[in-house]
Protein backbone atom coordinates (compact mmCIF):
# COMPACT_ATOMS: atom_id res chain seq x y z
CA MET A 1 83.12 161.90 140.12
CA ARG A 2 81.35 158.81 139.18
CA MET A 3 83.31 155.76 138.08
CA GLY A 4 81.30 153.66 135.78
CA ASN A 5 81.56 152.10 132.47
CA PRO A 6 84.24 153.98 130.46
CA ALA A 7 82.12 153.59 127.39
CA THR A 8 79.50 155.86 128.96
CA VAL A 9 81.84 158.62 130.11
CA PRO A 10 80.83 161.86 128.46
CA GLY A 11 83.21 162.93 125.71
CA ARG A 12 84.40 159.48 124.90
CA PRO A 13 83.09 157.52 121.96
CA THR A 14 81.10 154.44 122.83
CA ALA A 15 82.97 151.17 122.49
CA ARG A 16 81.51 148.54 120.20
CA ARG A 17 81.33 144.95 121.15
CA ARG A 18 83.41 142.72 118.92
CA ARG A 19 81.61 139.80 117.40
CA PRO A 20 83.26 136.46 117.93
CA ALA A 21 85.13 135.35 114.79
CA ARG A 22 83.34 132.77 112.69
CA GLY A 23 84.93 130.35 110.27
CA PHE A 24 88.57 129.50 109.76
CA THR A 25 91.55 131.60 108.91
CA LEU A 26 93.61 130.88 105.83
CA ILE A 27 96.57 129.68 107.90
CA GLU A 28 94.36 127.16 109.72
CA LEU A 29 93.13 125.78 106.40
CA VAL A 30 96.69 125.51 105.07
CA ILE A 31 97.79 123.62 108.19
CA VAL A 32 94.86 121.18 107.92
CA MET A 33 95.54 120.58 104.22
CA THR A 34 99.22 119.92 104.97
CA VAL A 35 98.35 117.38 107.65
CA ILE A 36 95.88 115.66 105.31
CA GLY A 37 98.53 115.54 102.57
CA ILE A 38 101.10 113.96 104.88
CA LEU A 39 98.60 111.35 106.10
CA ALA A 40 97.57 110.53 102.54
CA ALA A 41 101.21 110.15 101.48
CA VAL A 42 101.67 107.49 104.15
CA ALA A 43 98.27 105.77 104.10
CA ILE A 44 97.66 105.33 100.35
CA PRO A 45 100.82 103.30 99.58
CA ALA A 46 100.24 101.14 102.67
CA TYR A 47 96.65 100.49 101.56
CA GLN A 48 97.74 99.61 98.03
CA ASP A 49 100.32 97.17 99.41
CA GLN A 50 97.64 95.45 101.49
CA VAL A 51 95.37 95.16 98.43
CA ARG A 52 98.23 93.59 96.43
CA ARG A 53 98.90 91.13 99.25
CA GLY A 54 95.23 90.15 99.28
CA HIS A 55 95.21 89.50 95.53
CA ARG A 56 98.46 87.53 95.84
CA ALA A 57 96.87 85.36 98.54
CA SER A 58 93.90 84.68 96.24
CA ALA A 59 96.23 83.66 93.41
CA GLN A 60 98.17 81.39 95.75
CA ALA A 61 94.96 79.73 96.93
CA THR A 62 93.97 79.08 93.31
CA MET A 63 97.41 77.64 92.60
CA LEU A 64 97.22 75.32 95.63
CA ASP A 65 93.75 74.20 94.54
CA ALA A 66 95.25 73.33 91.15
CA VAL A 67 98.04 71.37 92.87
CA ALA A 68 95.48 69.28 94.76
CA ARG A 69 93.58 68.63 91.52
CA GLN A 70 96.82 67.72 89.73
CA ARG A 71 97.53 65.07 92.33
CA GLN A 72 94.09 63.55 91.76
CA VAL A 73 94.61 63.62 87.98
CA LEU A 74 97.95 61.84 88.42
CA ILE A 75 96.22 59.07 90.38
CA ASP A 76 93.50 58.75 87.73
CA ARG A 77 95.56 59.10 84.51
CA ARG A 78 99.19 58.58 85.55
CA ALA A 79 100.03 61.99 84.05
CA TYR A 80 99.53 65.61 85.04
CA ALA A 81 97.14 67.98 83.29
CA ALA A 82 98.59 70.64 81.00
CA SER A 83 95.87 73.25 81.52
CA PRO A 84 93.22 74.35 84.02
CA ALA A 85 90.52 73.09 81.64
CA GLU A 86 91.87 69.54 81.94
CA LEU A 87 91.55 69.89 85.69
CA GLY A 88 87.93 70.98 85.42
CA MET A 89 88.64 74.39 86.87
CA ALA A 90 88.69 77.94 85.60
CA VAL A 91 90.83 80.77 86.89
CA PRO A 92 88.45 83.29 88.52
CA PRO A 93 88.19 86.57 86.55
CA ALA A 94 89.40 88.63 89.53
CA ILE A 95 92.62 86.62 89.58
CA ALA A 96 92.96 86.42 85.79
CA ALA A 97 92.88 90.24 85.69
CA ARG A 98 95.97 90.39 87.91
CA TYR A 99 97.90 87.19 87.19
CA ALA A 100 98.65 85.19 84.07
CA ILE A 101 98.57 81.61 85.33
CA ALA A 102 100.33 79.02 83.19
CA PHE A 103 100.73 75.25 83.55
CA GLU A 104 103.93 73.52 82.56
CA ALA A 105 103.49 69.75 82.42
CA PRO A 106 105.86 67.98 80.02
CA GLY A 107 104.04 64.83 78.95
CA ASP A 108 107.18 62.77 78.30
CA ALA A 109 108.91 63.45 81.64
CA ARG A 110 109.57 60.44 83.83
CA PRO A 111 108.53 60.65 86.60
CA PRO A 112 105.73 63.04 85.65
CA THR A 113 106.26 66.65 86.69
CA PHE A 114 104.38 69.92 86.55
CA ARG A 115 104.89 73.51 87.49
CA ILE A 116 102.29 76.25 87.89
CA VAL A 117 103.52 79.79 87.23
CA ALA A 118 101.60 82.96 88.12
CA THR A 119 103.03 86.10 86.52
CA PRO A 120 101.68 89.41 87.87
CA THR A 121 100.05 91.66 85.27
CA GLY A 122 98.15 94.92 85.19
CA PRO A 123 97.62 96.49 88.62
CA GLN A 124 99.47 93.63 90.32
CA ALA A 125 102.68 94.22 88.33
CA GLY A 126 104.08 96.34 91.17
CA ASP A 127 103.96 93.41 93.59
CA ARG A 128 107.31 92.97 95.35
CA CYS A 129 107.15 89.16 95.08
CA GLY A 130 107.02 89.00 91.29
CA VAL A 131 106.45 85.61 89.65
CA LEU A 132 104.96 82.89 91.90
CA THR A 133 105.64 79.21 91.21
CA VAL A 134 104.73 75.87 92.72
CA ASP A 135 105.65 72.38 91.46
CA GLN A 136 104.63 68.75 91.97
CA ALA A 137 106.87 68.43 95.02
CA GLY A 138 105.18 71.40 96.69
CA THR A 139 108.23 73.64 96.23
CA ARG A 140 107.05 77.23 96.30
CA SER A 141 108.95 80.29 95.22
CA PRO A 142 109.79 82.97 96.09
CA ALA A 143 110.08 81.53 99.56
CA GLY A 144 109.40 84.75 101.49
CA CYS A 145 106.09 85.35 99.75
CA TRP A 146 104.16 82.17 100.54
């Protein structure tokens, strides 16, 4: 008796070749979607925190620029300016959209004083640091955010 391919033995049906599977199974797609969901849940809040920190740094740089200009105004006029317009500066629109920057400069205070306050608004309202302030002495608050 001849031993050959069992598919060619008389009386037996011929075996068909199986095609290799193409595509993905439903369980594979569910696993991939779960992994993507977990990564997104971690990455998106971290990204948003970094964006807020970047906008905070821009607001702080604008505030420190105003402090330097205030010092020059004090030398020139012996009083601090009460607004950014008196300093010859404008708050950039990107910062104004996220912070309300206010100047507090009582004109009758002796010695002259000022305080610049940046209150987060809009998309920046979730910032963990909250209200940023700096005064004529260079005191910045909150301390952990500068």
